[in-house]
């Protein structure tokens, strides 16, 4: 939500910025694409791209650091993925009908199929 709105606003600012409007506040700017200052649109696009790159790189570094700490793995175990994260982590089911693999256990039941009914 913020990414799309922020990026769109940033790029459209480079397109619609007008020197006459900024002059009402006493500011002198060359304007944007409409005022034939075409490079401003490129500046705004470069700003958005550099923001994406900065966010991606720092998020990647933070997630790798978290993943390297024992007990803070980012990925669930293979068993939890097969069983379903909702059931493995919170003991809840999302779907009405969930077949279980024969190698998985849920409350002591092996190789069973659980059907939930909503009233």
PDB file of N, CA and C in Angstrom:
ATOM      1  N   UNK A   1       0.826  -1.185   0.000  1.00  0.00           N
ATOM      2  CA  UNK A   1       0.000   0.000   0.000  1.00  0.00           C
ATOM      3  C   UNK A   1       0.874   1.254   0.000  1.00  0.00           C
ATOM      4  N   UNK A   2       1.807   1.338   0.921  1.00  0.00           N
ATOM      5  CA  UNK A   2       2.678   2.505   0.974  1.00  0.00           C
ATOM      6  C   UNK A   2       3.663   2.511  -0.193  1.00  0.00           C
ATOM      7  N   UNK A   3       4.076   1.324  -0.610  1.00  0.00           N
ATOM      8  CA  UNK A   3       5.026   1.242  -1.719  1.00  0.00           C
ATOM      9  C   UNK A   3       4.409   1.762  -3.010  1.00  0.00           C
ATOM     10  N   UNK A   4       3.208   1.312  -3.309  1.00  0.00           N
ATOM     11  CA  UNK A   4       2.559   1.723  -4.555  1.00  0.00           C
ATOM     12  C   UNK A   4       2.225   3.208  -4.511  1.00  0.00           C
ATOM     13  N   UNK A   5       1.608   3.662  -3.431  1.00  0.00           N
ATOM     14  CA  UNK A   5       1.248   5.079  -3.312  1.00  0.00           C
ATOM     15  C   UNK A   5       2.463   5.991  -3.297  1.00  0.00           C
ATOM     16  N   UNK A   6       3.499   5.599  -2.566  1.00  0.00           N
ATOM     17  CA  UNK A   6       4.708   6.405  -2.492  1.00  0.00           C
ATOM     18  C   UNK A   6       5.436   6.480  -3.819  1.00  0.00           C
ATOM     19  N   UNK A   7       5.541   5.341  -4.489  1.00  0.00           N
ATOM     20  CA  UNK A   7       6.218   5.312  -5.785  1.00  0.00           C
ATOM     21  C   UNK A   7       5.442   6.106  -6.822  1.00  0.00           C
ATOM     22  N   UNK A   8       4.145   5.898  -6.867  1.00  0.00           N
ATOM     23  CA  UNK A   8       3.312   6.635  -7.823  1.00  0.00           C
ATOM     24  C   UNK A   8       3.379   8.135  -7.551  1.00  0.00           C
ATOM     25  N   UNK A   9       3.283   8.530  -6.303  1.00  0.00           N
ATOM     26  CA  UNK A   9       3.375   9.945  -5.958  1.00  0.00           C
ATOM     27  C   UNK A   9       4.731  10.535  -6.299  1.00  0.00           C
ATOM     28  N   UNK A  10       5.788   9.786  -6.068  1.00  0.00           N
ATOM     29  CA  UNK A  10       7.133  10.257  -6.377  1.00  0.00           C
ATOM     30  C   UNK A  10       7.310  10.470  -7.879  1.00  0.00           C
ATOM     31  N   UNK A  11       6.874   9.521  -8.673  1.00  0.00           N
ATOM     32  CA  UNK A  11       7.021   9.633 -10.124  1.00  0.00           C
ATOM     33  C   UNK A  11       6.107  10.720 -10.693  1.00  0.00           C
ATOM     34  N   UNK A  12       4.883  10.788 -10.205  1.00  0.00           N
ATOM     35  CA  UNK A  12       3.968  11.820 -10.713  1.00  0.00           C
ATOM     36  C   UNK A  12       4.398  13.224 -10.301  1.00  0.00           C
ATOM     37  N   UNK A  13       5.116  13.334  -9.183  1.00  0.00           N
ATOM     38  CA  UNK A  13       5.666  14.631  -8.801  1.00  0.00           C
ATOM     39  C   UNK A  13       6.665  15.096  -9.858  1.00  0.00           C
ATOM     40  N   UNK A  14       7.498  14.186 -10.342  1.00  0.00           N
ATOM     41  CA  UNK A  14       8.442  14.519 -11.406  1.00  0.00           C
ATOM     42  C   UNK A  14       7.744  14.868 -12.703  1.00  0.00           C
ATOM     43  N   UNK A  15       6.553  14.361 -12.893  1.00  0.00           N
ATOM     44  CA  UNK A  15       5.800  14.657 -14.115  1.00  0.00           C
ATOM     45  C   UNK A  15       5.035  15.981 -14.003  1.00  0.00           C
ATOM     46  N   UNK A  16       4.334  16.169 -12.892  1.00  0.00           N
ATOM     47  CA  UNK A  16       3.427  17.309 -12.771  1.00  0.00           C
ATOM     48  C   UNK A  16       4.000  18.533 -12.049  1.00  0.00           C
ATOM     49  N   UNK A  17       5.203  18.474 -11.496  1.00  0.00           N
ATOM     50  CA  UNK A  17       5.761  19.621 -10.765  1.00  0.00           C
ATOM     51  C   UNK A  17       5.809  20.844 -11.673  1.00  0.00           C
ATOM     52  N   UNK A  18       5.305  21.981 -11.172  1.00  0.00           N
ATOM     53  CA  UNK A  18       5.288  23.207 -11.979  1.00  0.00           C
ATOM     54  C   UNK A  18       5.994  24.325 -11.226  1.00  0.00           C
ATOM     55  N   UNK A  19       6.824  25.023 -11.945  1.00  0.00           N
ATOM     56  CA  UNK A  19       7.566  26.128 -11.339  1.00  0.00           C
ATOM     57  C   UNK A  19       6.635  27.253 -10.915  1.00  0.00           C
ATOM     58  N   UNK A  20       5.524  27.449 -11.620  1.00  0.00           N
ATOM     59  CA  UNK A  20       4.598  28.536 -11.268  1.00  0.00           C
ATOM     60  C   UNK A  20       3.916  28.286  -9.924  1.00  0.00           C
ATOM     61  N   UNK A  21       3.622  27.046  -9.601  1.00  0.00           N
ATOM     62  CA  UNK A  21       2.992  26.720  -8.322  1.00  0.00           C
ATOM     63  C   UNK A  21       4.005  26.878  -7.184  1.00  0.00           C
ATOM     64  N   UNK A  22       5.223  26.413  -7.381  1.00  0.00           N
ATOM     65  CA  UNK A  22       6.252  26.559  -6.356  1.00  0.00           C
ATOM     66  C   UNK A  22       6.587  28.026  -6.126  1.00  0.00           C
ATOM     67  N   UNK A  23       6.459  28.851  -7.158  1.00  0.00           N
ATOM     68  CA  UNK A  23       6.757  30.287  -7.037  1.00  0.00           C
ATOM     69  C   UNK A  23       5.772  30.995  -6.113  1.00  0.00           C
ATOM     70  N   UNK A  24       4.586  30.440  -5.923  1.00  0.00           N
ATOM     71  CA  UNK A  24       3.605  31.036  -5.016  1.00  0.00           C
ATOM     72  C   UNK A  24       4.131  31.046  -3.574  1.00  0.00           C
ATOM     73  N   UNK A  25       5.009  30.110  -3.250  1.00  0.00           N
ATOM     74  CA  UNK A  25       5.638  30.059  -1.924  1.00  0.00           C
ATOM     75  C   UNK A  25       7.006  30.728  -1.918  1.00  0.00           C
ATOM     76  N   UNK A  26       7.368  31.331  -3.011  1.00  0.00           N
ATOM     77  CA  UNK A  26       8.660  31.995  -3.099  1.00  0.00           C
ATOM     78  C   UNK A  26       9.804  31.073  -3.472  1.00  0.00           C
ATOM     79  N   UNK A  27       9.493  29.848  -3.870  1.00  0.00           N
ATOM     80  CA  UNK A  27      10.529  28.881  -4.254  1.00  0.00           C
ATOM     81  C   UNK A  27      10.786  28.967  -5.756  1.00  0.00           C
ATOM     82  N   UNK A  28      12.024  28.783  -6.125  1.00  0.00           N
ATOM     83  CA  UNK A  28      12.412  28.742  -7.533  1.00  0.00           C
ATOM     84  C   UNK A  28      12.831  27.319  -7.868  1.00  0.00           C
ATOM     85  N   UNK A  29      12.032  26.632  -8.672  1.00  0.00           N
ATOM     86  CA  UNK A  29      12.383  25.296  -9.145  1.00  0.00           C
ATOM     87  C   UNK A  29      12.206  25.274 -10.657  1.00  0.00           C
ATOM     88  N   UNK A  30      12.906  24.392 -11.331  1.00  0.00           N
ATOM     89  CA  UNK A  30      12.747  24.321 -12.782  1.00  0.00           C
ATOM     90  C   UNK A  30      11.455  23.622 -13.214  1.00  0.00           C
ATOM     91  N   UNK A  31      10.780  22.961 -12.314  1.00  0.00           N
ATOM     92  CA  UNK A  31       9.540  22.270 -12.658  1.00  0.00           C
ATOM     93  C   UNK A  31       9.799  20.825 -13.020  1.00  0.00           C
ATOM     94  N   UNK A  32       8.780  20.223 -13.597  1.00  0.00           N
ATOM     95  CA  UNK A  32       8.879  18.822 -13.961  1.00  0.00           C
ATOM     96  C   UNK A  32       8.708  18.618 -15.448  1.00  0.00           C
ATOM     97  N   UNK A  33       8.238  17.456 -15.806  1.00  0.00           N
ATOM     98  CA  UNK A  33       8.093  17.068 -17.207  1.00  0.00           C
ATOM     99  C   UNK A  33       7.183  18.035 -17.970  1.00  0.00           C
ATOM    100  N   UNK A  34       6.103  18.454 -17.347  1.00  0.00           N
ATOM    101  CA  UNK A  34       5.164  19.371 -18.008  1.00  0.00           C
ATOM    102  C   UNK A  34       5.817  20.730 -18.297  1.00  0.00           C
ATOM    103  N   UNK A  35       6.727  21.159 -17.424  1.00  0.00           N
ATOM    104  CA  UNK A  35       7.446  22.423 -17.631  1.00  0.00           C
ATOM    105  C   UNK A  35       8.689  22.238 -18.501  1.00  0.00           C
ATOM    106  N   UNK A  36       8.760  21.127 -19.207  1.00  0.00           N
ATOM    107  CA  UNK A  36       9.867  20.818 -20.121  1.00  0.00           C
ATOM    108  C   UNK A  36      11.201  20.635 -19.391  1.00  0.00           C
ATOM    109  N   UNK A  37      11.138  20.311 -18.133  1.00  0.00           N
ATOM    110  CA  UNK A  37      12.332  19.942 -17.379  1.00  0.00           C
ATOM    111  C   UNK A  37      12.303  18.416 -17.261  1.00  0.00           C
ATOM    112  N   UNK A  38      12.629  17.768 -18.376  1.00  0.00           N
ATOM    113  CA  UNK A  38      12.426  16.328 -18.526  1.00  0.00           C
ATOM    114  C   UNK A  38      13.282  15.486 -17.579  1.00  0.00           C
ATOM    115  N   UNK A  39      14.420  15.986 -17.210  1.00  0.00           N
ATOM    116  CA  UNK A  39      15.321  15.218 -16.362  1.00  0.00           C
ATOM    117  C   UNK A  39      14.743  15.023 -14.955  1.00  0.00           C
ATOM    118  N   UNK A  40      13.813  15.866 -14.532  1.00  0.00           N
ATOM    119  CA  UNK A  40      13.229  15.717 -13.196  1.00  0.00           C
ATOM    120  C   UNK A  40      12.496  14.390 -13.051  1.00  0.00           C
ATOM    121  N   UNK A  41      11.846  13.963 -14.120  1.00  0.00           N
ATOM    122  CA  UNK A  41      11.163  12.664 -14.083  1.00  0.00           C
ATOM    123  C   UNK A  41      12.187  11.545 -13.886  1.00  0.00           C
ATOM    124  N   UNK A  42      13.334  11.645 -14.535  1.00  0.00           N
ATOM    125  CA  UNK A  42      14.394  10.645 -14.361  1.00  0.00           C
ATOM    126  C   UNK A  42      14.942  10.691 -12.933  1.00  0.00           C
ATOM    127  N   UNK A  43      15.079  11.886 -12.368  1.00  0.00           N
ATOM    128  CA  UNK A  43      15.532  12.005 -10.975  1.00  0.00           C
ATOM    129  C   UNK A  43      14.564  11.299 -10.030  1.00  0.00           C
ATOM    130  N   UNK A  44      13.280  11.510 -10.251  1.00  0.00           N
ATOM    131  CA  UNK A  44      12.271  10.908  -9.378  1.00  0.00           C
ATOM    132  C   UNK A  44      12.269   9.384  -9.520  1.00  0.00           C
ATOM    133  N   UNK A  45      12.432   8.904 -10.749  1.00  0.00           N
ATOM    134  CA  UNK A  45      12.463   7.455 -10.960  1.00  0.00           C
ATOM    135  C   UNK A  45      13.718   6.851 -10.322  1.00  0.00           C
ATOM    136  N   UNK A  46      14.847   7.533 -10.451  1.00  0.00           N
ATOM    137  CA  UNK A  46      16.088   7.056  -9.826  1.00  0.00           C
ATOM    138  C   UNK A  46      15.938   7.030  -8.307  1.00  0.00           C
ATOM    139  N   UNK A  47      15.238   8.012  -7.757  1.00  0.00           N
ATOM    140  CA  UNK A  47      14.988   8.047  -6.320  1.00  0.00           C
ATOM    141  C   UNK A  47      14.162   6.840  -5.885  1.00  0.00           C
ATOM    142  N   UNK A  48      13.128   6.514  -6.634  1.00  0.00           N
ATOM    143  CA  UNK A  48      12.297   5.356  -6.291  1.00  0.00           C
ATOM    144  C   UNK A  48      13.091   4.063  -6.386  1.00  0.00           C
ATOM    145  N   UNK A  49      13.878   3.915  -7.447  1.00  0.00           N
ATOM    146  CA  UNK A  49      14.669   2.694  -7.629  1.00  0.00           C
ATOM    147  C   UNK A  49      15.717   2.557  -6.525  1.00  0.00           C
ATOM    148  N   UNK A  50      16.362   3.655  -6.168  1.00  0.00           N
ATOM    149  CA  UNK A  50      17.365   3.573  -5.102  1.00  0.00           C
ATOM    150  C   UNK A  50      16.700   3.256  -3.758  1.00  0.00           C
ATOM    151  N   UNK A  51      15.496   3.743  -3.542  1.00  0.00           N
ATOM    152  CA  UNK A  51      14.754   3.398  -2.320  1.00  0.00           C
ATOM    153  C   UNK A  51      14.416   1.924  -2.261  1.00  0.00           C
ATOM    154  N   UNK A  52      13.990   1.360  -3.396  1.00  0.00           N
ATOM    155  CA  UNK A  52      13.724  -0.080  -3.456  1.00  0.00           C
ATOM    156  C   UNK A  52      14.996  -0.873  -3.170  1.00  0.00           C
ATOM    157  N   UNK A  53      16.089  -0.487  -3.805  1.00  0.00           N
ATOM    158  CA  UNK A  53      17.350  -1.213  -3.634  1.00  0.00           C
ATOM    159  C   UNK A  53      17.839  -1.136  -2.184  1.00  0.00           C
ATOM    160  N   UNK A  54      17.780   0.029  -1.595  1.00  0.00           N
ATOM    161  CA  UNK A  54      18.195   0.224  -0.206  1.00  0.00           C
ATOM    162  C   UNK A  54      17.356  -0.660   0.724  1.00  0.00           C
ATOM    163  N   UNK A  55      16.049  -0.633   0.555  1.00  0.00           N
ATOM    164  CA  UNK A  55      15.163  -1.440   1.395  1.00  0.00           C
ATOM    165  C   UNK A  55      15.423  -2.925   1.215  1.00  0.00           C
ATOM    166  N   UNK A  56      15.617  -3.351  -0.018  1.00  0.00           N
ATOM    167  CA  UNK A  56      15.860  -4.761  -0.289  1.00  0.00           C
ATOM    168  C   UNK A  56      17.158  -5.229   0.362  1.00  0.00           C
ATOM    169  N   UNK A  57      18.236  -4.479   0.158  1.00  0.00           N
ATOM    170  CA  UNK A  57      19.539  -4.886   0.682  1.00  0.00           C
ATOM    171  C   UNK A  57      19.529  -4.921   2.207  1.00  0.00           C
ATOM    172  N   UNK A  58      19.011  -3.891   2.856  1.00  0.00           N
ATOM    173  CA  UNK A  58      18.992  -3.884   4.318  1.00  0.00           C
ATOM    174  C   UNK A  58      18.075  -4.962   4.889  1.00  0.00           C
ATOM    175  N   UNK A  59      16.931  -5.183   4.268  1.00  0.00           N
ATOM    176  CA  UNK A  59      16.033  -6.251   4.721  1.00  0.00           C
ATOM    177  C   UNK A  59      16.706  -7.607   4.576  1.00  0.00           C
ATOM    178  N   UNK A  60      17.404  -7.824   3.461  1.00  0.00           N
ATOM    179  CA  UNK A  60      18.112  -9.077   3.250  1.00  0.00           C
ATOM    180  C   UNK A  60      19.172  -9.286   4.333  1.00  0.00           C
ATOM    181  N   UNK A  61      19.942  -8.252   4.636  1.00  0.00           N
ATOM    182  CA  UNK A  61      20.981  -8.356   5.666  1.00  0.00           C
ATOM    183  C   UNK A  61      20.365  -8.671   7.025  1.00  0.00           C
ATOM    184  N   UNK A  62      19.282  -7.991   7.374  1.00  0.00           N
ATOM    185  CA  UNK A  62      18.625  -8.228   8.661  1.00  0.00           C
ATOM    186  C   UNK A  62      18.068  -9.644   8.745  1.00  0.00           C
ATOM    187  N   UNK A  63      17.434 -10.120   7.664  1.00  0.00           N
ATOM    188  CA  UNK A  63      16.875 -11.470   7.679  1.00  0.00           C
ATOM    189  C   UNK A  63      17.964 -12.531   7.740  1.00  0.00           C
ATOM    190  N   UNK A  64      19.077 -12.329   7.048  1.00  0.00           N
ATOM    191  CA  UNK A  64      20.185 -13.278   7.131  1.00  0.00           C
ATOM    192  C   UNK A  64      20.765 -13.301   8.546  1.00  0.00           C
ATOM    193  N   UNK A  65      20.852 -12.141   9.189  1.00  0.00           N
ATOM    194  CA  UNK A  65      21.354 -12.090  10.566  1.00  0.00           C
ATOM    195  C   UNK A  65      20.404 -12.834  11.503  1.00  0.00           C
ATOM    196  N   UNK A  66      19.113 -12.630  11.356  1.00  0.00           N
ATOM    197  CA  UNK A  66      18.131 -13.329  12.191  1.00  0.00           C
ATOM    198  C   UNK A  66      18.199 -14.830  11.941  1.00  0.00           C
ATOM    199  N   UNK A  67      18.339 -15.220  10.670  1.00  0.00           N
ATOM    200  CA  UNK A  67      18.367 -16.639  10.314  1.00  0.00           C
ATOM    201  C   UNK A  67      19.609 -17.339  10.864  1.00  0.00           C
ATOM    202  N   UNK A  68      20.675 -16.598  11.107  1.00  0.00           N
ATOM    203  CA  UNK A  68      21.905 -17.217  11.613  1.00  0.00           C
ATOM    204  C   UNK A  68      21.896 -17.399  13.133  1.00  0.00           C
ATOM    205  N   UNK A  69      20.936 -16.810  13.827  1.00  0.00           N
ATOM    206  CA  UNK A  69      20.845 -16.955  15.285  1.00  0.00           C
ATOM    207  C   UNK A  69      20.141 -18.271  15.604  1.00  0.00           C
ATOM    208  N   UNK A  70      20.765 -19.129  16.405  1.00  0.00           N
ATOM    209  CA  UNK A  70      20.127 -20.407  16.758  1.00  0.00           C
ATOM    210  C   UNK A  70      18.764 -20.173  17.427  1.00  0.00           C
ATOM    211  N   UNK A  71      17.767 -20.914  16.981  1.00  0.00           N
ATOM    212  CA  UNK A  71      16.429 -20.801  17.538  1.00  0.00           C
ATOM    213  C   UNK A  71      15.563 -19.757  16.854  1.00  0.00           C
ATOM    214  N   UNK A  72      16.126 -19.013  15.934  1.00  0.00           N
ATOM    215  CA  UNK A  72      15.350 -17.994  15.217  1.00  0.00           C
ATOM    216  C   UNK A  72      15.367 -18.252  13.713  1.00  0.00           C
ATOM    217  N   UNK A  73      15.160 -19.470  13.321  1.00  0.00           N
ATOM    218  CA  UNK A  73      15.154 -19.807  11.899  1.00  0.00           C
ATOM    219  C   UNK A  73      13.957 -19.166  11.217  1.00  0.00           C
ATOM    220  N   UNK A  74      14.148 -18.730   9.993  1.00  0.00           N
ATOM    221  CA  UNK A  74      13.048 -18.107   9.248  1.00  0.00           C
ATOM    222  C   UNK A  74      12.100 -19.136   8.649  1.00  0.00           C
ATOM    223  N   UNK A  75      12.619 -20.316   8.351  1.00  0.00           N
ATOM    224  CA  UNK A  75      11.799 -21.333   7.717  1.00  0.00           C
ATOM    225  C   UNK A  75      11.325 -22.347   8.745  1.00  0.00           C
ATOM    226  N   UNK A  76      10.104 -22.776   8.590  1.00  0.00           N
ATOM    227  CA  UNK A  76       9.555 -23.795   9.484  1.00  0.00           C
ATOM    228  C   UNK A  76      10.163 -25.148   9.139  1.00  0.00           C
ATOM    229  N   UNK A  77      10.003 -26.101  10.035  1.00  0.00           N
ATOM    230  CA  UNK A  77      10.516 -27.444   9.770  1.00  0.00           C
ATOM    231  C   UNK A  77       9.707 -28.089   8.648  1.00  0.00           C
ATOM    232  N   UNK A  78      10.282 -29.127   8.060  1.00  0.00           N
ATOM    233  CA  UNK A  78       9.595 -29.830   6.972  1.00  0.00           C
ATOM    234  C   UNK A  78       8.283 -30.438   7.468  1.00  0.00           C
ATOM    235  N   UNK A  79       8.290 -30.956   8.697  1.00  0.00           N
ATOM    236  CA  UNK A  79       7.069 -31.530   9.258  1.00  0.00           C
ATOM    237  C   UNK A  79       5.994 -30.475   9.431  1.00  0.00           C
ATOM    238  N   UNK A  80       6.374 -29.306   9.928  1.00  0.00           N
ATOM    239  CA  UNK A  80       5.406 -28.225  10.124  1.00  0.00           C
ATOM    240  C   UNK A  80       4.852 -27.736   8.794  1.00  0.00           C
ATOM    241  N   UNK A  81       5.674 -27.731   7.759  1.00  0.00           N
ATOM    242  CA  UNK A  81       5.186 -27.325   6.436  1.00  0.00           C
ATOM    243  C   UNK A  81       4.204 -28.339   5.872  1.00  0.00           C
ATOM    244  N   UNK A  82       4.493 -29.632   6.051  1.00  0.00           N
ATOM    245  CA  UNK A  82       3.567 -30.666   5.566  1.00  0.00           C
ATOM    246  C   UNK A  82       2.259 -30.632   6.344  1.00  0.00           C
ATOM    247  N   UNK A  83       2.349 -30.456   7.632  1.00  0.00           N
ATOM    248  CA  UNK A  83       1.162 -30.438   8.485  1.00  0.00           C
ATOM    249  C   UNK A  83       0.348 -29.180   8.262  1.00  0.00           C
ATOM    250  N   UNK A  84       1.033 -28.088   7.989  1.00  0.00           N
ATOM    251  CA  UNK A  84       0.374 -26.793   7.836  1.00  0.00           C
ATOM    252  C   UNK A  84       0.794 -25.892   8.984  1.00  0.00           C
ATOM    253  N   UNK A  85       1.230 -24.695   8.678  1.00  0.00           N
ATOM    254  CA  UNK A  85       1.780 -23.804   9.697  1.00  0.00           C
ATOM    255  C   UNK A  85       0.728 -23.450  10.745  1.00  0.00           C
ATOM    256  N   UNK A  86      -0.517 -23.231  10.323  1.00  0.00           N
ATOM    257  CA  UNK A  86      -1.565 -22.896  11.297  1.00  0.00           C
ATOM    258  C   UNK A  86      -1.741 -24.011  12.325  1.00  0.00           C
ATOM    259  N   UNK A  87      -1.769 -25.239  11.846  1.00  0.00           N
ATOM    260  CA  UNK A  87      -1.958 -26.364  12.760  1.00  0.00           C
ATOM    261  C   UNK A  87      -0.710 -26.601  13.607  1.00  0.00           C
ATOM    262  N   UNK A  88       0.466 -26.504  12.999  1.00  0.00           N
ATOM    263  CA  UNK A  88       1.710 -26.773  13.717  1.00  0.00           C
ATOM    264  C   UNK A  88       2.001 -25.707  14.772  1.00  0.00           C
ATOM    265  N   UNK A  89       1.756 -24.458  14.452  1.00  0.00           N
ATOM    266  CA  UNK A  89       2.112 -23.372  15.364  1.00  0.00           C
ATOM    267  C   UNK A  89       0.997 -23.002  16.333  1.00  0.00           C
ATOM    268  N   UNK A  90      -0.264 -23.057  15.867  1.00  0.00           N
ATOM    269  CA  UNK A  90      -1.368 -22.574  16.699  1.00  0.00           C
ATOM    270  C   UNK A  90      -2.425 -23.611  16.991  1.00  0.00           C
ATOM    271  N   UNK A  91      -2.313 -24.792  16.368  1.00  0.00           N
ATOM    272  CA  UNK A  91      -3.291 -25.838  16.614  1.00  0.00           C
ATOM    273  C   UNK A  91      -4.633 -25.567  15.961  1.00  0.00           C
ATOM    274  N   UNK A  92      -4.660 -24.765  14.915  1.00  0.00           N
ATOM    275  CA  UNK A  92      -5.915 -24.438  14.216  1.00  0.00           C
ATOM    276  C   UNK A  92      -5.856 -24.937  12.788  1.00  0.00           C
ATOM    277  N   UNK A  93      -7.009 -25.184  12.237  1.00  0.00           N
ATOM    278  CA  UNK A  93      -7.138 -25.581  10.844  1.00  0.00           C
ATOM    279  C   UNK A  93      -7.804 -24.450  10.060  1.00  0.00           C
ATOM    280  N   UNK A  94      -7.366 -24.283   8.824  1.00  0.00           N
ATOM    281  CA  UNK A  94      -7.935 -23.240   7.984  1.00  0.00           C
ATOM    282  C   UNK A  94      -8.977 -23.821   7.035  1.00  0.00           C
ATOM    283  N   UNK A  95      -8.730 -25.026   6.536  1.00  0.00           N
ATOM    284  CA  UNK A  95      -9.619 -25.646   5.559  1.00  0.00           C
ATOM    285  C   UNK A  95     -10.614 -26.567   6.246  1.00  0.00           C
ATOM    286  N   UNK A  96     -11.738 -26.804   5.587  1.00  0.00           N
ATOM    287  CA  UNK A  96     -12.753 -27.698   6.138  1.00  0.00           C
ATOM    288  C   UNK A  96     -12.332 -29.163   6.070  1.00  0.00           C
ATOM    289  N   UNK A  97     -11.576 -29.519   5.058  1.00  0.00           N
ATOM    290  CA  UNK A  97     -11.210 -30.917   4.848  1.00  0.00           C
ATOM    291  C   UNK A  97      -9.713 -30.981   4.605  1.00  0.00           C
ATOM    292  N   UNK A  98      -8.987 -31.619   5.491  1.00  0.00           N
ATOM    293  CA  UNK A  98      -7.536 -31.663   5.384  1.00  0.00           C
ATOM    294  C   UNK A  98      -7.067 -33.102   5.564  1.00  0.00           C
ATOM    295  N   UNK A  99      -6.600 -33.755   4.473  1.00  0.00           N
ATOM    296  CA  UNK A  99      -6.037 -35.105   4.641  1.00  0.00           C
ATOM    297  C   UNK A  99      -4.622 -35.005   5.197  1.00  0.00           C
ATOM    298  N   UNK A 100      -4.283 -35.903   6.104  1.00  0.00           N
ATOM    299  CA  UNK A 100      -2.953 -35.910   6.696  1.00  0.00           C
ATOM    300  C   UNK A 100      -2.137 -37.050   6.116  1.00  0.00           C
ATOM    301  N   UNK A 101      -0.840 -36.811   5.908  1.00  0.00           N
ATOM    302  CA  UNK A 101       0.061 -37.879   5.465  1.00  0.00           C
ATOM    303  C   UNK A 101       0.158 -38.933   6.553  1.00  0.00           C
ATOM    304  N   UNK A 102       0.459 -40.153   6.156  1.00  0.00           N
ATOM    305  CA  UNK A 102       0.537 -41.229   7.151  1.00  0.00           C
ATOM    306  C   UNK A 102       1.706 -41.040   8.103  1.00  0.00           C
ATOM    307  N   UNK A 103       2.711 -40.249   7.741  1.00  0.00           N
ATOM    308  CA  UNK A 103       3.853 -40.031   8.594  1.00  0.00           C
ATOM    309  C   UNK A 103       3.669 -38.909   9.598  1.00  0.00           C
ATOM    310  N   UNK A 104       2.531 -38.251   9.582  1.00  0.00           N
ATOM    311  CA  UNK A 104       2.298 -37.119  10.467  1.00  0.00           C
ATOM    312  C   UNK A 104       1.361 -37.504  11.599  1.00  0.00           C
ATOM    313  N   UNK A 105       1.550 -36.859  12.711  1.00  0.00           N
ATOM    314  CA  UNK A 105       0.684 -37.111  13.858  1.00  0.00           C
ATOM    315  C   UNK A 105      -0.023 -35.827  14.259  1.00  0.00           C
ATOM    316  N   UNK A 106      -1.274 -35.952  14.608  1.00  0.00           N
ATOM    317  CA  UNK A 106      -2.040 -34.836  15.143  1.00  0.00           C
ATOM    318  C   UNK A 106      -2.841 -35.378  16.312  1.00  0.00           C
ATOM    319  N   UNK A 107      -2.478 -34.975  17.502  1.00  0.00           N
ATOM    320  CA  UNK A 107      -3.129 -35.448  18.718  1.00  0.00           C
ATOM    321  C   UNK A 107      -3.138 -36.974  18.794  1.00  0.00           C
ATOM    322  N   UNK A 108      -2.037 -37.603  18.385  1.00  0.00           N
ATOM    323  CA  UNK A 108      -1.924 -39.047  18.495  1.00  0.00           C
ATOM    324  C   UNK A 108      -2.532 -39.827  17.353  1.00  0.00           C
ATOM    325  N   UNK A 109      -3.267 -39.195  16.449  1.00  0.00           N
ATOM    326  CA  UNK A 109      -3.892 -39.900  15.334  1.00  0.00           C
ATOM    327  C   UNK A 109      -2.918 -39.934  14.165  1.00  0.00           C
ATOM    328  N   UNK A 110      -2.651 -41.140  13.656  1.00  0.00           N
ATOM    329  CA  UNK A 110      -1.730 -41.282  12.541  1.00  0.00           C
ATOM    330  C   UNK A 110      -2.486 -41.757  11.312  1.00  0.00           C
ATOM    331  N   UNK A 111      -2.165 -41.143  10.151  1.00  0.00           N
ATOM    332  CA  UNK A 111      -2.755 -41.596   8.901  1.00  0.00           C
ATOM    333  C   UNK A 111      -4.255 -41.382   8.824  1.00  0.00           C
ATOM    334  N   UNK A 112      -4.780 -40.416   9.469  1.00  0.00           N
ATOM    335  CA  UNK A 112      -6.225 -40.189   9.451  1.00  0.00           C
ATOM    336  C   UNK A 112      -6.543 -38.954   8.603  1.00  0.00           C
ATOM    337  N   UNK A 113      -7.815 -38.795   8.352  1.00  0.00           N
ATOM    338  CA  UNK A 113      -8.299 -37.622   7.640  1.00  0.00           C
ATOM    339  C   UNK A 113      -9.222 -36.873   8.589  1.00  0.00           C
ATOM    340  N   UNK A 114      -9.026 -35.569   8.685  1.00  0.00           N
ATOM    341  CA  UNK A 114      -9.830 -34.774   9.592  1.00  0.00           C
ATOM    342  C   UNK A 114     -10.810 -33.935   8.773  1.00  0.00           C
ATOM    343  N   UNK A 115     -12.057 -34.053   9.072  1.00  0.00           N
ATOM    344  CA  UNK A 115     -13.078 -33.228   8.428  1.00  0.00           C
ATOM    345  C   UNK A 115     -13.693 -32.324   9.484  1.00  0.00           C
ATOM    346  N   UNK A 116     -13.635 -31.047   9.252  1.00  0.00           N
ATOM    347  CA  UNK A 116     -14.219 -30.085  10.192  1.00  0.00           C
ATOM    348  C   UNK A 116     -15.530 -29.555   9.641  1.00  0.00           C
ATOM    349  N   UNK A 117     -16.492 -29.416  10.508  1.00  0.00           N
ATOM    350  CA  UNK A 117     -17.781 -28.897  10.091  1.00  0.00           C
ATOM    351  C   UNK A 117     -18.050 -27.582  10.796  1.00  0.00           C
ATOM    352  N   UNK A 118     -18.479 -26.605  10.029  1.00  0.00           N
ATOM    353  CA  UNK A 118     -18.803 -25.314  10.606  1.00  0.00           C
ATOM    354  C   UNK A 118     -20.314 -25.217  10.777  1.00  0.00           C
ATOM    355  N   UNK A 119     -20.743 -24.818  11.946  1.00  0.00           N
ATOM    356  CA  UNK A 119     -22.189 -24.676  12.196  1.00  0.00           C
ATOM    357  C   UNK A 119     -22.585 -23.230  12.059  1.00  0.00           C
TER     358      UNK A 119
END
